[in-house]
């Protein structure tokens, strides 16, 4: 049986991790294009198509899409990397540690 966790909305994942997003993310949520930076290796990376492009949304700093109360302002259309983030997983625990927070504890299970 695997442990389950509940997000406590600390916002550590949105404030301390490098957030890389794909072109599909900016197509789905156009607001991202104004704040994301194309990862082009200072002009050295050539992309065969738009769909191969990758962007940096935040590099170890507060995500520009993070709103009041540590809530995502684009939650329904957030990037795939954010959708994949799970409360209590390795990245979550690492982000919490980087912010000086204690590890997220698993929910108590009843037999």
N, C-alpha and C. Protein backbone atom coordinates (compact mmCIF):
# COMPACT_ATOMS: atom_id res chain seq x y z
N UNK A 1 0.83 -1.17 0.00
CA UNK A 1 0.00 0.00 0.00
C UNK A 1 0.89 1.24 0.00
N UNK A 2 0.63 2.17 -0.90
CA UNK A 2 1.45 3.37 -0.97
C UNK A 2 0.87 4.46 -0.08
N UNK A 3 1.75 5.32 0.37
CA UNK A 3 1.31 6.42 1.23
C UNK A 3 0.67 7.50 0.37
N UNK A 4 -0.30 8.18 0.95
CA UNK A 4 -0.92 9.30 0.24
C UNK A 4 -0.70 10.58 1.05
N UNK A 5 -0.63 11.67 0.31
CA UNK A 5 -0.35 12.97 0.89
C UNK A 5 -1.40 13.96 0.43
N UNK A 6 -1.56 15.00 1.20
CA UNK A 6 -2.46 16.08 0.81
C UNK A 6 -1.65 17.37 0.78
N UNK A 7 -1.73 18.09 -0.32
CA UNK A 7 -1.00 19.34 -0.47
C UNK A 7 -1.46 20.33 0.61
N UNK A 8 -0.49 20.98 1.25
CA UNK A 8 -0.84 21.98 2.28
C UNK A 8 -0.71 23.40 1.74
N UNK A 9 -0.55 23.52 0.43
CA UNK A 9 -0.46 24.82 -0.27
C UNK A 9 0.67 25.70 0.26
N UNK A 10 1.80 25.07 0.52
CA UNK A 10 2.96 25.85 0.99
C UNK A 10 3.55 26.68 -0.15
N UNK A 11 3.36 26.24 -1.40
CA UNK A 11 3.88 26.96 -2.55
C UNK A 11 5.35 26.73 -2.83
N UNK A 12 5.99 25.83 -2.10
CA UNK A 12 7.42 25.59 -2.28
C UNK A 12 7.75 25.14 -3.70
N UNK A 13 6.90 24.32 -4.29
CA UNK A 13 7.15 23.82 -5.64
C UNK A 13 7.12 24.96 -6.66
N UNK A 14 6.40 26.01 -6.37
CA UNK A 14 6.26 27.16 -7.28
C UNK A 14 7.24 28.28 -6.95
N UNK A 15 8.05 28.08 -5.92
CA UNK A 15 8.95 29.14 -5.50
C UNK A 15 10.42 28.76 -5.51
N UNK A 16 10.72 27.48 -5.63
CA UNK A 16 12.13 27.09 -5.50
C UNK A 16 12.63 26.18 -6.61
N UNK A 17 11.76 25.58 -7.38
CA UNK A 17 12.19 24.64 -8.41
C UNK A 17 12.34 25.32 -9.77
N UNK A 18 13.15 24.75 -10.62
CA UNK A 18 13.25 25.22 -12.00
C UNK A 18 12.04 24.67 -12.73
N UNK A 19 11.28 25.53 -13.36
CA UNK A 19 10.07 25.12 -14.06
C UNK A 19 10.30 25.28 -15.56
N UNK A 20 10.46 24.15 -16.25
CA UNK A 20 10.63 24.17 -17.69
C UNK A 20 9.32 23.73 -18.32
N UNK A 21 8.92 24.45 -19.36
CA UNK A 21 7.65 24.13 -20.01
C UNK A 21 7.86 23.93 -21.51
N UNK A 22 6.93 23.24 -22.12
CA UNK A 22 6.99 22.95 -23.55
C UNK A 22 6.09 23.89 -24.33
N UNK A 23 6.27 23.89 -25.63
CA UNK A 23 5.48 24.76 -26.50
C UNK A 23 3.98 24.48 -26.36
N UNK A 24 3.60 23.23 -26.16
CA UNK A 24 2.18 22.90 -26.01
C UNK A 24 1.58 23.63 -24.82
N UNK A 25 2.39 23.87 -23.79
CA UNK A 25 1.91 24.58 -22.60
C UNK A 25 1.57 26.03 -22.93
N UNK A 26 2.39 26.69 -23.74
CA UNK A 26 2.10 28.08 -24.09
C UNK A 26 0.97 28.18 -25.11
N UNK A 27 0.78 27.13 -25.89
CA UNK A 27 -0.36 27.11 -26.81
C UNK A 27 -1.66 26.99 -26.01
N UNK A 28 -1.65 26.12 -25.01
CA UNK A 28 -2.83 25.90 -24.18
C UNK A 28 -3.12 27.11 -23.28
N UNK A 29 -2.07 27.77 -22.78
CA UNK A 29 -2.23 28.92 -21.90
C UNK A 29 -1.37 30.08 -22.42
N UNK A 30 -1.94 30.92 -23.26
CA UNK A 30 -1.19 32.04 -23.86
C UNK A 30 -0.58 33.01 -22.85
N UNK A 31 -1.10 33.11 -21.64
CA UNK A 31 -0.53 34.01 -20.63
C UNK A 31 0.93 33.64 -20.32
N UNK A 32 1.28 32.39 -20.54
CA UNK A 32 2.64 31.94 -20.25
C UNK A 32 3.67 32.58 -21.17
N UNK A 33 3.29 32.86 -22.39
CA UNK A 33 4.23 33.38 -23.37
C UNK A 33 4.83 34.71 -22.94
N UNK A 34 4.07 35.53 -22.24
CA UNK A 34 4.58 36.84 -21.83
C UNK A 34 5.56 36.76 -20.66
N UNK A 35 5.59 35.64 -19.95
CA UNK A 35 6.48 35.53 -18.79
C UNK A 35 7.54 34.44 -18.94
N UNK A 36 7.37 33.55 -19.90
CA UNK A 36 8.32 32.46 -20.11
C UNK A 36 9.48 32.94 -20.98
N UNK A 37 10.63 32.33 -20.78
CA UNK A 37 11.81 32.67 -21.57
C UNK A 37 12.17 31.46 -22.43
N UNK A 38 12.29 31.69 -23.73
CA UNK A 38 12.67 30.61 -24.65
C UNK A 38 14.08 30.14 -24.30
N UNK A 39 14.21 28.83 -24.14
CA UNK A 39 15.52 28.26 -23.88
C UNK A 39 16.19 28.02 -25.23
N UNK A 40 17.03 28.96 -25.61
CA UNK A 40 17.64 28.88 -26.94
C UNK A 40 19.17 28.81 -26.90
N UNK A 41 19.72 28.63 -25.70
CA UNK A 41 21.17 28.52 -25.60
C UNK A 41 21.88 29.74 -26.16
N UNK A 42 21.34 30.92 -25.88
CA UNK A 42 21.89 32.18 -26.40
C UNK A 42 21.97 32.17 -27.92
N UNK A 43 20.91 31.66 -28.53
CA UNK A 43 20.82 31.65 -29.98
C UNK A 43 21.47 30.45 -30.65
N UNK A 44 22.02 29.53 -29.86
CA UNK A 44 22.73 28.38 -30.42
C UNK A 44 21.82 27.19 -30.71
N UNK A 45 20.64 27.18 -30.13
CA UNK A 45 19.73 26.06 -30.34
C UNK A 45 18.78 26.41 -31.49
N UNK A 46 18.75 25.55 -32.48
CA UNK A 46 17.84 25.73 -33.61
C UNK A 46 16.75 24.67 -33.49
N UNK A 47 15.51 25.08 -33.56
CA UNK A 47 14.40 24.15 -33.45
C UNK A 47 13.84 23.85 -34.83
N UNK A 48 13.57 22.57 -35.08
CA UNK A 48 13.01 22.14 -36.35
C UNK A 48 11.58 22.64 -36.53
N UNK A 49 10.85 22.72 -35.42
CA UNK A 49 9.47 23.20 -35.47
C UNK A 49 9.13 23.90 -34.16
N UNK A 50 8.04 24.62 -34.17
CA UNK A 50 7.57 25.30 -32.96
C UNK A 50 7.36 24.31 -31.82
N UNK A 51 6.90 23.13 -32.12
CA UNK A 51 6.52 22.14 -31.11
C UNK A 51 7.71 21.60 -30.34
N UNK A 52 8.92 21.81 -30.83
CA UNK A 52 10.12 21.36 -30.12
C UNK A 52 10.62 22.38 -29.11
N UNK A 53 10.12 23.59 -29.20
CA UNK A 53 10.61 24.66 -28.33
C UNK A 53 10.34 24.36 -26.86
N UNK A 54 11.29 24.76 -26.04
CA UNK A 54 11.14 24.65 -24.59
C UNK A 54 11.40 26.01 -23.98
N UNK A 55 10.72 26.26 -22.88
CA UNK A 55 10.79 27.56 -22.21
C UNK A 55 11.10 27.36 -20.74
N UNK A 56 11.63 28.39 -20.14
CA UNK A 56 11.86 28.42 -18.70
C UNK A 56 10.84 29.40 -18.11
N UNK A 57 10.06 28.92 -17.19
CA UNK A 57 9.05 29.78 -16.56
C UNK A 57 9.61 30.41 -15.29
N UNK A 58 10.37 29.65 -14.55
CA UNK A 58 11.01 30.15 -13.34
C UNK A 58 12.26 29.32 -13.10
N UNK A 59 13.32 29.96 -12.70
CA UNK A 59 14.57 29.25 -12.43
C UNK A 59 14.94 29.43 -10.97
N UNK A 60 14.31 28.65 -10.12
CA UNK A 60 14.62 28.73 -8.71
C UNK A 60 14.11 30.00 -8.05
N UNK A 61 13.14 30.62 -8.68
CA UNK A 61 12.54 31.81 -8.10
C UNK A 61 11.02 31.67 -8.17
N UNK A 62 10.33 32.59 -7.60
CA UNK A 62 8.86 32.53 -7.55
C UNK A 62 8.27 32.51 -8.96
N UNK A 63 7.38 31.56 -9.20
CA UNK A 63 6.71 31.47 -10.49
C UNK A 63 5.84 32.71 -10.67
N UNK A 64 5.90 33.36 -11.82
CA UNK A 64 5.09 34.55 -12.04
C UNK A 64 3.59 34.27 -12.08
N UNK A 65 3.20 33.02 -12.16
CA UNK A 65 1.78 32.66 -12.19
C UNK A 65 1.24 32.36 -10.79
N UNK A 66 2.11 32.41 -9.79
CA UNK A 66 1.69 32.14 -8.42
C UNK A 66 1.01 33.37 -7.85
N UNK A 67 -0.23 33.21 -7.42
CA UNK A 67 -1.00 34.34 -6.93
C UNK A 67 -1.09 34.38 -5.42
N UNK A 68 -2.05 35.13 -4.94
CA UNK A 68 -2.27 35.27 -3.50
C UNK A 68 -2.57 33.93 -2.86
N UNK A 69 -2.11 33.77 -1.63
CA UNK A 69 -2.36 32.54 -0.89
C UNK A 69 -1.68 31.33 -1.49
N UNK A 70 -0.60 31.55 -2.26
CA UNK A 70 0.14 30.46 -2.92
C UNK A 70 -0.75 29.64 -3.84
N UNK A 71 -1.72 30.30 -4.47
CA UNK A 71 -2.60 29.61 -5.42
C UNK A 71 -2.20 29.97 -6.84
N UNK A 72 -2.21 28.98 -7.71
CA UNK A 72 -1.85 29.17 -9.11
C UNK A 72 -2.96 29.96 -9.81
N UNK A 73 -2.56 31.04 -10.48
CA UNK A 73 -3.54 31.88 -11.16
C UNK A 73 -4.03 31.28 -12.48
N UNK A 74 -3.36 30.23 -12.95
CA UNK A 74 -3.77 29.56 -14.19
C UNK A 74 -3.98 28.06 -13.95
N UNK A 75 -4.39 27.71 -12.76
CA UNK A 75 -4.48 26.29 -12.36
C UNK A 75 -5.15 25.38 -13.39
N UNK A 76 -6.30 25.74 -13.95
CA UNK A 76 -6.95 24.82 -14.91
C UNK A 76 -6.13 24.56 -16.17
N UNK A 77 -5.27 25.50 -16.54
CA UNK A 77 -4.47 25.34 -17.75
C UNK A 77 -2.97 25.40 -17.45
N UNK A 78 -2.59 25.03 -16.25
CA UNK A 78 -1.18 25.07 -15.85
C UNK A 78 -0.34 24.12 -16.71
N UNK A 79 0.98 24.35 -16.78
CA UNK A 79 1.85 23.51 -17.59
C UNK A 79 1.83 22.03 -17.16
N UNK A 80 2.14 21.16 -18.10
CA UNK A 80 2.15 19.72 -17.82
C UNK A 80 3.08 19.36 -16.68
N UNK A 81 4.23 20.03 -16.58
CA UNK A 81 5.17 19.72 -15.50
C UNK A 81 4.53 19.99 -14.14
N UNK A 82 3.67 20.99 -14.08
CA UNK A 82 2.98 21.31 -12.83
C UNK A 82 1.87 20.29 -12.54
N UNK A 83 1.20 19.84 -13.59
CA UNK A 83 0.17 18.82 -13.44
C UNK A 83 0.79 17.55 -12.86
N UNK A 84 2.01 17.23 -13.30
CA UNK A 84 2.68 15.99 -12.87
C UNK A 84 3.20 16.06 -11.44
N UNK A 85 3.33 17.25 -10.89
CA UNK A 85 3.82 17.41 -9.52
C UNK A 85 2.79 16.85 -8.54
N UNK A 86 3.24 16.01 -7.64
CA UNK A 86 2.33 15.41 -6.67
C UNK A 86 2.77 15.74 -5.25
N UNK A 87 1.81 16.04 -4.42
CA UNK A 87 2.09 16.29 -3.01
C UNK A 87 2.83 15.11 -2.41
N UNK A 88 3.92 15.38 -1.71
CA UNK A 88 4.68 14.35 -1.02
C UNK A 88 5.69 13.61 -1.87
N UNK A 89 5.72 13.87 -3.18
CA UNK A 89 6.70 13.14 -4.00
C UNK A 89 8.10 13.72 -3.76
N UNK A 90 9.09 13.14 -4.41
CA UNK A 90 10.48 13.53 -4.18
C UNK A 90 10.72 15.02 -4.47
N UNK A 91 10.16 15.53 -5.56
CA UNK A 91 10.33 16.94 -5.88
C UNK A 91 9.66 17.83 -4.85
N UNK A 92 8.48 17.45 -4.40
CA UNK A 92 7.77 18.20 -3.38
C UNK A 92 8.62 18.30 -2.12
N UNK A 93 9.13 17.17 -1.67
CA UNK A 93 9.91 17.15 -0.44
C UNK A 93 11.20 17.95 -0.59
N UNK A 94 11.83 17.88 -1.78
CA UNK A 94 13.05 18.64 -2.04
C UNK A 94 12.74 20.14 -2.01
N UNK A 95 11.66 20.55 -2.65
CA UNK A 95 11.27 21.97 -2.68
C UNK A 95 10.99 22.48 -1.28
N UNK A 96 10.30 21.67 -0.48
CA UNK A 96 10.01 22.07 0.90
C UNK A 96 11.30 22.27 1.68
N UNK A 97 12.25 21.35 1.49
CA UNK A 97 13.54 21.46 2.17
C UNK A 97 14.29 22.72 1.76
N UNK A 98 14.24 23.07 0.47
CA UNK A 98 14.90 24.27 -0.03
C UNK A 98 14.30 25.53 0.57
N UNK A 99 13.03 25.47 0.94
CA UNK A 99 12.34 26.62 1.53
C UNK A 99 12.43 26.60 3.07
N UNK A 100 13.12 25.61 3.62
CA UNK A 100 13.26 25.52 5.07
C UNK A 100 12.03 24.95 5.76
N UNK A 101 11.18 24.26 5.00
CA UNK A 101 9.97 23.66 5.57
C UNK A 101 10.22 22.20 5.94
N UNK A 102 9.50 21.72 6.90
CA UNK A 102 9.61 20.31 7.26
C UNK A 102 8.98 19.45 6.19
N UNK A 103 9.37 18.18 6.10
CA UNK A 103 8.78 17.30 5.09
C UNK A 103 7.26 17.19 5.26
N UNK A 104 6.57 17.03 4.17
CA UNK A 104 5.13 16.79 4.20
C UNK A 104 4.91 15.37 4.69
N UNK A 105 4.06 15.21 5.65
CA UNK A 105 3.82 13.89 6.24
C UNK A 105 2.67 13.21 5.54
N UNK A 106 2.73 11.88 5.44
CA UNK A 106 1.63 11.16 4.80
C UNK A 106 0.36 11.24 5.65
N UNK A 107 -0.76 11.15 4.97
CA UNK A 107 -2.04 11.12 5.67
C UNK A 107 -2.11 9.83 6.48
N UNK A 108 -2.80 9.89 7.59
CA UNK A 108 -2.98 8.67 8.39
C UNK A 108 -3.94 7.76 7.67
N UNK A 109 -3.62 6.49 7.66
CA UNK A 109 -4.50 5.52 7.03
C UNK A 109 -5.23 4.72 8.09
N UNK A 110 -6.43 4.35 7.80
CA UNK A 110 -7.20 3.54 8.75
C UNK A 110 -7.23 2.12 8.22
N UNK A 111 -7.12 1.16 9.12
CA UNK A 111 -7.08 -0.25 8.69
C UNK A 111 -8.40 -0.73 8.13
